[in-house]
Amino acid sequence: MASRFEEFIDIEKFKKALNYAAQATGLAFSVLDPLGKVIISPMNEAEFCKEARKDHQVAFTCVDCIVHSAIAAAKSKRTHFFKCQYDILEFVVPIFINGEYVAAVCGGEVRVDINDHVDYVYPKEKFDDRLTELYGEIKVVEKERYYSATKLVEMMVNNLSSLDIMLKIATASVESNKVDDRVKKAVDYIHNNYSKKITSAQLAKLSCVSENYFSKLFMRIMKTNVGDYIAAYRIEKAKNYLLQTDLKVGKVAEIVGFEDPAYFHRIFKRYTSMTPNAFRKSINPMHS
């Protein structure tokens, strides 16, 4: 059974973004649901942690640390820092959908000289002598780089927790049996013609109703107005082009239906809180 997180987020796309972040920062990342069930398995996992978790009790303690810290992060609605029983620093960034805490990104498995505002869920423990060499291999990261990594994940989470979800909620409404065929026809038209100029008048004519009635009908069913839905869909498509191609931003704007690049920048930033170039770098930090 899919988690609430999986119902609304493109797992493969998010996994790809986290993998880029792991390569760029050297940190390990994973995603867990509120009960500690793994949604995205650890990537770039430290060999020490991998070996230590072969002990069932250690594995349980690790997950419990993350769950405890994730709950604290969810309550405060901000990133929470903690150290495990072996003094390894990690952080959790909570993910909310419609105000509901559905998952957390856990990052770290490195050693950093940070002690302020760090939670210790369990007291420090000694590890088996066989793990001493592996412990020495754990990456030592400067605090500035570590904090930059947390900001990167926060931007990714904030971005995924807004536009993607709005579109999927709206699309779910369209796929519901309760949806008026006139609205479904209009949404299908938007999805197939987003690169062209689209107006409420066009959609109303397509749906064989007045423009005023169509606008009210669309708002009632989709929970957003026509203009905002078209803009959101275009920005979602733009995000895909920015992530999957090396096309210049101006060309991406043109492809997704924006005639004015400056206007595209403003709308993109309104929906994502980032410029197109900043978004491209936040999802793929290695992009030049």
Protein backbone atom coordinates (compact mmCIF):
# COMPACT_ATOMS: atom_id res chain seq x y z
CA MET A 1 0.00 0.00 0.00
CA ALA A 2 1.44 3.36 -1.06
CA SER A 3 2.26 5.91 1.63
CA ARG A 4 0.69 9.37 1.64
CA PHE A 5 4.02 10.69 0.38
CA GLU A 6 3.99 8.31 -2.58
CA GLU A 7 0.44 9.29 -3.49
CA PHE A 8 1.51 12.84 -4.30
CA ILE A 9 5.24 12.84 -5.05
CA ASP A 10 7.04 11.39 -8.07
CA ILE A 11 9.34 9.03 -6.15
CA GLU A 12 11.75 8.39 -9.02
CA LYS A 13 12.19 12.10 -9.70
CA PHE A 14 12.77 12.86 -6.03
CA LYS A 15 15.19 9.93 -5.72
CA LYS A 16 17.14 11.25 -8.71
CA ALA A 17 17.33 14.71 -7.14
CA LEU A 18 18.54 13.26 -3.83
CA ASN A 19 21.16 11.23 -5.65
CA TYR A 20 22.50 14.40 -7.26
CA ALA A 21 22.60 16.01 -3.82
CA ALA A 22 24.42 12.99 -2.37
CA GLN A 23 27.06 13.12 -5.11
CA ALA A 24 27.55 16.86 -4.75
CA THR A 25 27.70 17.01 -0.94
CA GLY A 26 29.11 13.62 0.04
CA LEU A 27 26.25 13.09 2.50
CA ALA A 28 23.97 10.08 2.73
CA PHE A 29 20.22 10.54 2.20
CA SER A 30 17.08 8.49 2.78
CA VAL A 31 13.34 9.11 3.10
CA LEU A 32 11.13 7.54 5.78
CA ASP A 33 7.43 7.72 6.56
CA PRO A 34 6.20 8.88 10.01
CA LEU A 35 6.42 5.31 11.39
CA GLY A 36 9.99 4.79 10.24
CA LYS A 37 9.22 2.69 7.16
CA VAL A 38 11.77 3.32 4.43
CA ILE A 39 10.32 5.01 1.33
CA ILE A 40 13.66 5.72 -0.36
CA SER A 41 16.53 3.50 0.75
CA PRO A 42 19.76 5.10 1.96
CA MET A 43 21.99 6.35 -0.86
CA ASN A 44 25.69 7.06 -0.45
CA GLU A 45 25.48 5.18 2.86
CA ALA A 46 28.60 5.23 5.05
CA GLU A 47 30.27 1.81 5.23
CA PHE A 48 30.44 2.12 9.02
CA CYS A 49 26.68 2.62 9.27
CA LYS A 50 25.96 -0.16 6.79
CA GLU A 51 28.09 -2.62 8.77
CA ALA A 52 26.85 -1.48 12.19
CA ARG A 53 23.19 -1.88 11.15
CA LYS A 54 23.73 -5.57 10.51
CA ASP A 55 23.17 -5.82 14.27
CA HIS A 56 19.37 -5.78 14.66
CA GLN A 57 19.49 -3.79 17.90
CA VAL A 58 21.70 -1.12 16.33
CA ALA A 59 19.40 -0.97 13.29
CA PHE A 60 16.38 -0.50 15.57
CA THR A 61 18.15 2.25 17.53
CA CYS A 62 19.12 4.05 14.30
CA VAL A 63 15.54 4.07 13.02
CA ASP A 64 14.22 5.12 16.43
CA CYS A 65 16.64 8.07 16.45
CA ILE A 66 15.39 9.18 13.05
CA VAL A 67 11.70 8.75 13.92
CA HIS A 68 12.12 10.64 17.21
CA SER A 69 13.97 13.47 15.47
CA ALA A 70 11.53 13.54 12.55
CA ILE A 71 8.63 13.97 14.97
CA ALA A 72 10.48 16.85 16.61
CA ALA A 73 11.08 18.36 13.17
CA ALA A 74 7.42 17.94 12.25
CA LYS A 75 6.29 19.65 15.47
CA SER A 76 8.60 22.61 14.94
CA LYS A 77 8.09 22.52 11.14
CA ARG A 78 11.80 23.00 10.57
CA THR A 79 15.00 21.01 10.13
CA HIS A 80 16.10 19.08 13.21
CA PHE A 81 19.71 18.08 13.93
CA PHE A 82 20.68 15.05 15.98
CA LYS A 83 23.60 12.75 16.73
CA CYS A 84 23.25 9.00 16.98
CA GLN A 85 24.72 6.88 19.74
CA TYR A 86 28.02 6.81 17.83
CA ASP A 87 28.29 10.61 17.63
CA ILE A 88 27.51 10.78 13.91
CA LEU A 89 25.64 13.93 12.89
CA GLU A 90 22.40 13.74 10.90
CA PHE A 91 19.46 16.00 10.11
CA VAL A 92 15.82 15.49 9.18
CA VAL A 93 13.66 17.75 7.03
CA PRO A 94 9.89 17.14 7.44
CA ILE A 95 7.59 16.96 4.42
CA PHE A 96 3.99 18.15 4.71
CA ILE A 97 1.08 17.64 2.33
CA ASN A 98 -1.97 19.81 2.97
CA GLY A 99 -0.69 20.37 6.51
CA GLU A 100 -0.24 16.64 7.18
CA TYR A 101 3.21 15.32 8.09
CA VAL A 102 3.81 12.47 5.63
CA ALA A 103 7.56 11.83 5.44
CA ALA A 104 11.01 13.09 6.30
CA VAL A 105 14.30 13.33 4.45
CA CYS A 106 17.20 12.15 6.58
CA GLY A 107 20.69 13.29 5.65
CA GLY A 108 24.14 13.00 7.12
CA GLU A 109 26.23 10.02 8.23
CA VAL A 110 29.22 12.34 8.50
CA ARG A 111 31.30 13.86 11.27
CA VAL A 112 30.96 17.60 11.74
CA ASP A 113 32.15 19.92 14.48
CA ILE A 114 28.65 21.04 15.45
CA ASN A 115 27.24 20.68 18.95
CA ASP A 116 24.85 23.61 19.32
CA HIS A 117 21.16 22.81 18.88
CA VAL A 118 21.95 19.12 18.34
CA ASP A 119 19.72 16.50 19.93
CA TYR A 120 21.02 13.28 21.48
CA VAL A 121 18.21 10.72 21.45
CA TYR A 122 20.37 7.99 22.98
CA PRO A 123 23.49 8.33 25.15
CA LYS A 124 26.82 7.77 23.44
CA GLU A 125 27.92 4.16 23.09
CA LYS A 126 31.12 2.38 22.19
CA PHE A 127 31.09 0.31 19.05
CA ASP A 128 32.73 -3.03 18.35
CA ASP A 129 36.47 -2.96 17.75
CA ARG A 130 35.89 -4.47 14.30
CA LEU A 131 34.24 -1.19 13.27
CA THR A 132 37.09 1.10 14.37
CA GLU A 133 38.73 1.27 10.96
CA LEU A 134 35.41 1.95 9.22
CA TYR A 135 34.62 4.69 11.73
CA GLY A 136 37.85 6.41 10.78
CA GLU A 137 36.69 6.41 7.16
CA ILE A 138 33.52 8.41 7.88
CA LYS A 139 33.69 11.70 6.01
CA VAL A 140 34.61 14.79 8.01
CA VAL A 141 32.66 17.76 6.63
CA GLU A 142 33.03 21.48 7.31
CA LYS A 143 30.01 22.96 9.07
CA GLU A 144 29.41 25.51 6.28
CA ARG A 145 29.21 22.74 3.70
CA TYR A 146 26.93 20.73 5.96
CA TYR A 147 24.54 23.62 6.48
CA SER A 148 24.54 24.28 2.73
CA ALA A 149 23.47 20.67 2.20
CA THR A 150 20.56 21.09 4.60
CA LYS A 151 19.46 24.25 2.77
CA LEU A 152 19.60 22.37 -0.52
CA VAL A 153 17.30 19.65 0.82
CA GLU A 154 14.95 22.24 2.33
CA MET A 155 14.61 23.92 -1.08
CA MET A 156 13.91 20.57 -2.74
CA VAL A 157 11.27 19.71 -0.15
CA ASN A 158 9.62 23.13 -0.25
CA ASN A 159 9.43 22.94 -4.02
CA LEU A 160 7.98 19.42 -4.09
CA SER A 161 5.53 20.26 -1.35
CA SER A 162 3.80 22.97 -3.38
CA LEU A 163 3.49 22.84 -7.14
CA ASP A 164 3.56 19.07 -7.70
CA ILE A 165 0.97 18.51 -5.01
CA MET A 166 -1.36 21.24 -6.26
CA LEU A 167 -1.29 19.74 -9.74
CA LYS A 168 -1.81 16.18 -8.54
CA ILE A 169 -4.73 17.16 -6.33
CA ALA A 170 -6.30 18.94 -9.27
CA THR A 171 -5.59 16.04 -11.62
CA ALA A 172 -7.05 13.61 -9.09
CA SER A 173 -10.22 15.70 -9.15
CA VAL A 174 -10.38 15.37 -12.92
CA GLU A 175 -9.99 11.60 -12.74
CA SER A 176 -12.82 11.33 -10.22
CA ASN A 177 -16.14 10.03 -11.52
CA LYS A 178 -17.81 13.11 -10.03
CA VAL A 179 -16.08 15.51 -12.41
CA ASP A 180 -18.11 17.34 -15.00
CA ASP A 181 -17.10 16.20 -18.51
CA ARG A 182 -16.86 19.84 -19.58
CA VAL A 183 -14.10 20.51 -17.07
CA LYS A 184 -12.30 17.28 -17.93
CA LYS A 185 -12.37 18.23 -21.60
CA ALA A 186 -10.86 21.62 -20.75
CA VAL A 187 -8.13 20.12 -18.57
CA ASP A 188 -7.23 17.60 -21.26
CA TYR A 189 -6.97 20.49 -23.72
CA ILE A 190 -4.62 22.36 -21.36
CA HIS A 191 -2.42 19.28 -20.93
CA ASN A 192 -2.18 18.73 -24.69
CA ASN A 193 -1.77 22.37 -25.74
CA TYR A 194 0.12 24.07 -22.89
CA SER A 195 2.71 25.42 -25.35
CA LYS A 196 0.02 27.45 -27.14
CA LYS A 197 -1.91 30.51 -26.04
CA ILE A 198 -4.92 29.38 -23.98
CA THR A 199 -7.73 31.59 -22.68
CA SER A 200 -10.80 31.02 -20.55
CA ALA A 201 -12.90 32.05 -23.53
CA GLN A 202 -11.38 29.25 -25.63
CA LEU A 203 -11.99 26.66 -22.94
CA ALA A 204 -15.54 27.86 -22.35
CA LYS A 205 -16.28 27.60 -26.07
CA LEU A 206 -14.78 24.10 -26.11
CA SER A 207 -17.04 23.19 -23.18
CA CYS A 208 -20.11 24.78 -24.82
CA VAL A 209 -20.87 27.13 -21.90
CA SER A 210 -20.46 30.84 -21.23
CA GLU A 211 -17.07 32.06 -20.05
CA ASN A 212 -18.48 33.26 -16.73
CA TYR A 213 -20.19 29.93 -16.02
CA PHE A 214 -17.12 27.96 -17.07
CA SER A 215 -14.84 29.95 -14.75
CA LYS A 216 -17.13 29.27 -11.78
CA LEU A 217 -17.48 25.59 -12.70
CA PHE A 218 -13.71 25.16 -13.04
CA MET A 219 -13.07 26.84 -9.69
CA ARG A 220 -15.70 24.72 -7.92
CA ILE A 221 -14.31 21.44 -9.19
CA MET A 222 -10.57 22.12 -9.47
CA LYS A 223 -10.24 24.34 -6.36
CA THR A 224 -8.16 26.82 -8.37
CA ASN A 225 -8.88 29.27 -11.17
CA VAL A 226 -8.17 28.64 -14.85
CA GLY A 227 -5.24 31.04 -15.11
CA ASP A 228 -3.47 29.64 -12.05
CA TYR A 229 -3.96 26.05 -13.20
CA ILE A 230 -2.52 26.79 -16.66
CA ALA A 231 0.44 28.63 -15.12
CA ALA A 232 1.10 25.84 -12.61
CA TYR A 233 0.96 23.18 -15.31
CA ARG A 234 3.36 25.13 -17.51
CA ILE A 235 5.78 25.62 -14.62
CA GLU A 236 5.64 21.91 -13.85
CA LYS A 237 6.53 21.16 -17.47
CA ALA A 238 9.30 23.76 -17.30
CA LYS A 239 10.73 22.04 -14.23
CA ASN A 240 10.94 18.78 -16.17
CA TYR A 241 12.78 20.47 -19.05
CA LEU A 242 15.18 22.19 -16.66
CA LEU A 243 15.89 18.89 -14.92
CA GLN A 244 16.12 16.61 -17.94
CA THR A 245 17.68 18.84 -20.65
CA ASP A 246 20.38 21.46 -21.12
CA LEU A 247 18.07 23.84 -22.97
CA LYS A 248 18.55 27.52 -22.23
CA VAL A 249 15.97 29.03 -19.88
CA GLY A 250 14.57 31.27 -22.63
CA LYS A 251 13.97 28.24 -24.86
CA VAL A 252 12.27 26.36 -22.02
CA ALA A 253 9.99 29.36 -21.46
CA GLU A 254 9.03 29.35 -25.13
CA ILE A 255 8.37 25.59 -25.23
CA VAL A 256 6.00 25.69 -22.25
CA GLY A 257 3.97 28.61 -23.56
CA PHE A 258 5.54 31.80 -22.18
CA GLU A 259 6.16 34.45 -24.84
CA ASP A 260 8.00 36.82 -22.48
CA PRO A 261 11.09 35.31 -20.73
CA ALA A 262 10.96 37.98 -18.00
CA TYR A 263 7.35 37.09 -17.24
CA PHE A 264 8.31 33.40 -17.16
CA HIS A 265 10.99 34.19 -14.57
CA ARG A 266 8.46 36.03 -12.38
CA ILE A 267 5.86 33.26 -12.56
CA PHE A 268 8.45 30.53 -12.01
CA LYS A 269 9.73 32.29 -8.90
CA ARG A 270 6.17 32.84 -7.64
CA TYR A 271 5.50 29.10 -7.71
CA THR A 272 8.90 27.76 -6.63
CA SER A 273 10.50 30.66 -4.68
CA MET A 274 13.51 30.26 -7.02
CA THR A 275 14.60 31.50 -10.41
CA PRO A 276 14.75 28.85 -13.17
CA ASN A 277 18.55 28.76 -13.01
CA ALA A 278 18.56 28.45 -9.22
CA PHE A 279 16.02 25.62 -9.45
CA ARG A 280 18.14 23.78 -12.01
CA LYS A 281 21.18 24.03 -9.75
CA SER A 282 19.24 23.07 -6.61
CA ILE A 283 17.96 19.87 -8.20
CA ASN A 284 21.28 19.11 -9.89
CA PRO A 285 24.03 20.94 -7.97
CA MET A 286 26.64 19.73 -10.48
CA HIS A 287 24.92 21.56 -13.34
CA SER A 288 27.16 24.36 -14.55
